[in-house]
Amino acid sequence: MTNKKTAMKKWREKNPWRKAYDGAKIRCAPNRAYGKRGIEMLMKLDDFKYLWHRDKAHKMINPSIDRVDGKGNYELKNCRYIEMDANRNPKPVMAIKIYKSAREAARCMGGVVPAVCDVANGKKYHHTYKGYRWMWVEDLLYNNKAINTVIIKAREEKIKEASK
């Protein structure tokens, strides 16, 4: 039994979009709330995988599938991954401060460059540093939740600094 649970856990880690797919499929069943309202599931599992990578859901703390038009169906043009908090309570995007580089951000915050880069890169178990979320400015376009986030402009510097 333990081997089966371990195998399932590993499979879920490799296919994290499956959770959203299963949830959407259940919500659209004829006897469920969305199904009763006529909302249909028109996406396949591969569509969820595509959205996962397009929206960089692996960098999110708690990714959630969102229908842009709340009255629309689950279809590729109407869906995206956003943070669960943003999906529950949509808020405007707001940055606390924008730094030119990870080096400048670390210096101003009294921190170290690798830690700033780890959080901005979305490494596992690194969600905040010095009490803030960090994000590269390019990722801001794909991430709807940038509330209380420190933004770093220069992405190319992360590669140089991570190797130091």
Protein backbone atom coordinates (compact mmCIF):
# COMPACT_ATOMS: atom_id res chain seq x y z
CA MET A 1 0.00 0.00 0.00
CA THR A 2 2.82 2.39 0.84
CA ASN A 3 4.47 1.84 -2.54
CA LYS A 4 1.21 2.71 -4.29
CA LYS A 5 0.86 5.94 -2.27
CA THR A 6 4.49 6.86 -2.95
CA ALA A 7 4.09 6.18 -6.66
CA MET A 8 0.92 8.29 -6.80
CA LYS A 9 2.63 11.15 -4.95
CA LYS A 10 5.56 11.09 -7.39
CA TRP A 11 3.15 11.03 -10.35
CA ARG A 12 1.24 14.04 -8.92
CA GLU A 13 4.52 15.94 -8.47
CA LYS A 14 5.38 15.33 -12.12
CA ASN A 15 1.83 16.18 -13.31
CA PRO A 16 0.61 19.00 -11.01
CA TRP A 17 -1.92 20.26 -13.58
CA ARG A 18 -3.95 17.07 -13.12
CA LYS A 19 -5.41 18.36 -9.84
CA ALA A 20 -6.93 21.40 -11.60
CA TYR A 21 -8.16 19.22 -14.47
CA ASP A 22 -9.92 16.79 -12.12
CA GLY A 23 -11.46 19.65 -10.12
CA ALA A 24 -12.77 21.41 -13.21
CA LYS A 25 -14.17 18.18 -14.59
CA ILE A 26 -16.05 17.49 -11.33
CA ARG A 27 -17.39 21.07 -11.11
CA CYS A 28 -18.85 20.76 -14.63
CA ALA A 29 -20.72 17.51 -13.95
CA PRO A 30 -24.47 17.87 -14.70
CA ASN A 31 -25.44 17.49 -11.03
CA ARG A 32 -22.88 20.09 -9.79
CA ALA A 33 -23.12 23.89 -9.58
CA TYR A 34 -21.26 24.71 -12.83
CA GLY A 35 -22.96 21.92 -14.75
CA LYS A 36 -26.39 23.15 -13.65
CA ARG A 37 -25.48 26.64 -14.91
CA GLY A 38 -24.52 25.22 -18.31
CA ILE A 39 -20.74 25.66 -17.93
CA GLU A 40 -18.98 22.91 -19.89
CA MET A 41 -15.55 21.32 -19.72
CA LEU A 42 -14.13 21.71 -23.24
CA MET A 43 -10.45 21.17 -22.37
CA LYS A 44 -8.30 18.06 -22.30
CA LEU A 45 -5.52 17.25 -19.85
CA ASP A 46 -2.91 18.41 -22.39
CA ASP A 47 -4.56 21.85 -22.45
CA PHE A 48 -4.07 22.15 -18.68
CA LYS A 49 -0.44 21.14 -19.10
CA TYR A 50 0.01 23.79 -21.81
CA LEU A 51 -1.53 26.48 -19.56
CA TRP A 52 0.63 25.34 -16.63
CA HIS A 53 3.80 26.04 -18.61
CA ARG A 54 2.49 29.14 -20.43
CA ASP A 55 1.43 30.84 -17.20
CA LYS A 56 4.49 29.61 -15.27
CA ALA A 57 2.33 28.04 -12.59
CA HIS A 58 5.37 26.17 -11.23
CA LYS A 59 6.62 29.53 -9.92
CA MET A 60 3.39 30.25 -8.04
CA ILE A 61 2.89 29.52 -4.37
CA ASN A 62 -0.59 28.02 -4.78
CA PRO A 63 -1.61 27.92 -8.47
CA SER A 64 -5.29 27.77 -9.35
CA ILE A 65 -7.10 27.49 -12.66
CA ASP A 66 -9.18 30.58 -13.41
CA ARG A 67 -11.84 31.25 -16.02
CA VAL A 68 -11.33 34.81 -17.29
CA ASP A 69 -15.05 35.08 -18.09
CA GLY A 70 -16.80 33.61 -15.05
CA LYS A 71 -19.84 32.74 -17.16
CA GLY A 72 -17.78 31.05 -19.87
CA ASN A 73 -16.81 27.43 -20.36
CA TYR A 74 -13.55 25.76 -19.46
CA GLU A 75 -11.82 26.29 -22.80
CA LEU A 76 -8.25 27.21 -23.68
CA LYS A 77 -8.96 30.83 -24.63
CA ASN A 78 -10.91 31.44 -21.39
CA CYS A 79 -8.57 29.85 -18.83
CA ARG A 80 -5.33 30.72 -17.07
CA TYR A 81 -3.42 29.80 -13.94
CA ILE A 82 -3.24 32.43 -11.20
CA GLU A 83 -2.53 32.38 -7.48
CA MET A 84 -5.35 30.88 -5.40
CA ASP A 85 -5.62 34.08 -3.32
CA ALA A 86 -6.01 36.19 -6.45
CA ASN A 87 -8.62 33.76 -7.78
CA ARG A 88 -10.64 34.05 -4.58
CA ASN A 89 -10.21 37.81 -4.12
CA PRO A 90 -9.11 39.60 -7.31
CA LYS A 91 -6.96 42.62 -6.45
CA PRO A 92 -5.00 45.10 -8.52
CA VAL A 93 -1.33 44.41 -9.18
CA MET A 94 0.87 46.43 -6.86
CA ALA A 95 4.61 46.36 -6.41
CA ILE A 96 6.30 47.68 -3.30
CA LYS A 97 9.56 48.65 -4.98
CA ILE A 98 11.33 47.97 -8.24
CA TYR A 99 15.08 47.37 -8.16
CA LYS A 100 17.45 47.43 -11.16
CA SER A 101 19.10 44.14 -10.20
CA ALA A 102 19.14 41.37 -7.63
CA ARG A 103 22.45 42.73 -6.37
CA GLU A 104 20.93 46.17 -5.71
CA ALA A 105 17.88 44.61 -4.03
CA ALA A 106 20.03 42.47 -1.73
CA ARG A 107 22.26 45.42 -0.83
CA CYS A 108 19.32 47.71 -0.01
CA MET A 109 17.49 45.06 2.02
CA GLY A 110 20.61 43.89 3.89
CA GLY A 111 20.41 40.45 2.36
CA VAL A 112 22.36 38.16 0.05
CA VAL A 113 21.99 37.86 -3.72
CA PRO A 114 21.50 34.05 -3.94
CA ALA A 115 18.55 34.17 -1.53
CA VAL A 116 16.87 36.97 -3.51
CA CYS A 117 17.40 34.99 -6.75
CA ASP A 118 16.05 31.75 -5.21
CA VAL A 119 12.77 33.43 -4.27
CA ALA A 120 12.46 35.30 -7.58
CA ASN A 121 13.13 32.05 -9.46
CA GLY A 122 10.43 30.26 -7.46
CA LYS A 123 12.69 27.56 -6.04
CA LYS A 124 10.90 25.06 -3.85
CA TYR A 125 10.45 26.12 -0.21
CA HIS A 126 11.61 29.67 -0.97
CA HIS A 127 8.45 31.80 -1.07
CA THR A 128 9.69 34.87 0.76
CA TYR A 129 12.94 36.48 1.83
CA LYS A 130 13.31 39.31 4.33
CA GLY A 131 9.52 39.20 4.68
CA TYR A 132 8.78 39.91 0.99
CA ARG A 133 7.91 38.02 -2.16
CA TRP A 134 10.37 38.70 -5.00
CA MET A 135 9.68 38.55 -8.72
CA TRP A 136 11.46 39.28 -11.99
CA VAL A 137 9.76 42.06 -13.93
CA GLU A 138 9.12 39.74 -16.93
CA ASP A 139 7.22 37.30 -14.69
CA LEU A 140 4.89 40.09 -13.61
CA LEU A 141 3.16 39.81 -17.00
CA TYR A 142 2.24 36.18 -16.33
CA ASN A 143 1.50 36.39 -12.62
CA ASN A 144 -1.70 38.12 -11.62
CA LYS A 145 -0.70 38.17 -7.94
CA ALA A 146 2.04 40.66 -7.26
CA ILE A 147 0.57 42.15 -4.11
CA ASN A 148 3.31 43.12 -1.64
CA THR A 149 5.97 41.92 -4.05
CA VAL A 150 9.40 43.41 -4.66
CA ILE A 151 10.16 43.50 -8.38
CA ILE A 152 13.64 43.05 -9.89
CA LYS A 153 14.21 44.36 -13.42
CA ALA A 154 17.35 42.60 -14.66
CA ARG A 155 16.72 38.91 -15.29
CA GLU A 156 20.00 38.26 -17.10
CA GLU A 157 21.83 39.10 -13.90
CA LYS A 158 20.26 36.15 -12.08
CA ILE A 159 22.31 33.71 -14.16
CA LYS A 160 25.57 35.54 -13.46
CA GLU A 161 24.86 35.96 -9.75
CA ALA A 162 23.63 32.42 -9.18
CA SER A 163 26.95 31.07 -10.41
CA LYS A 164 28.97 33.23 -7.96
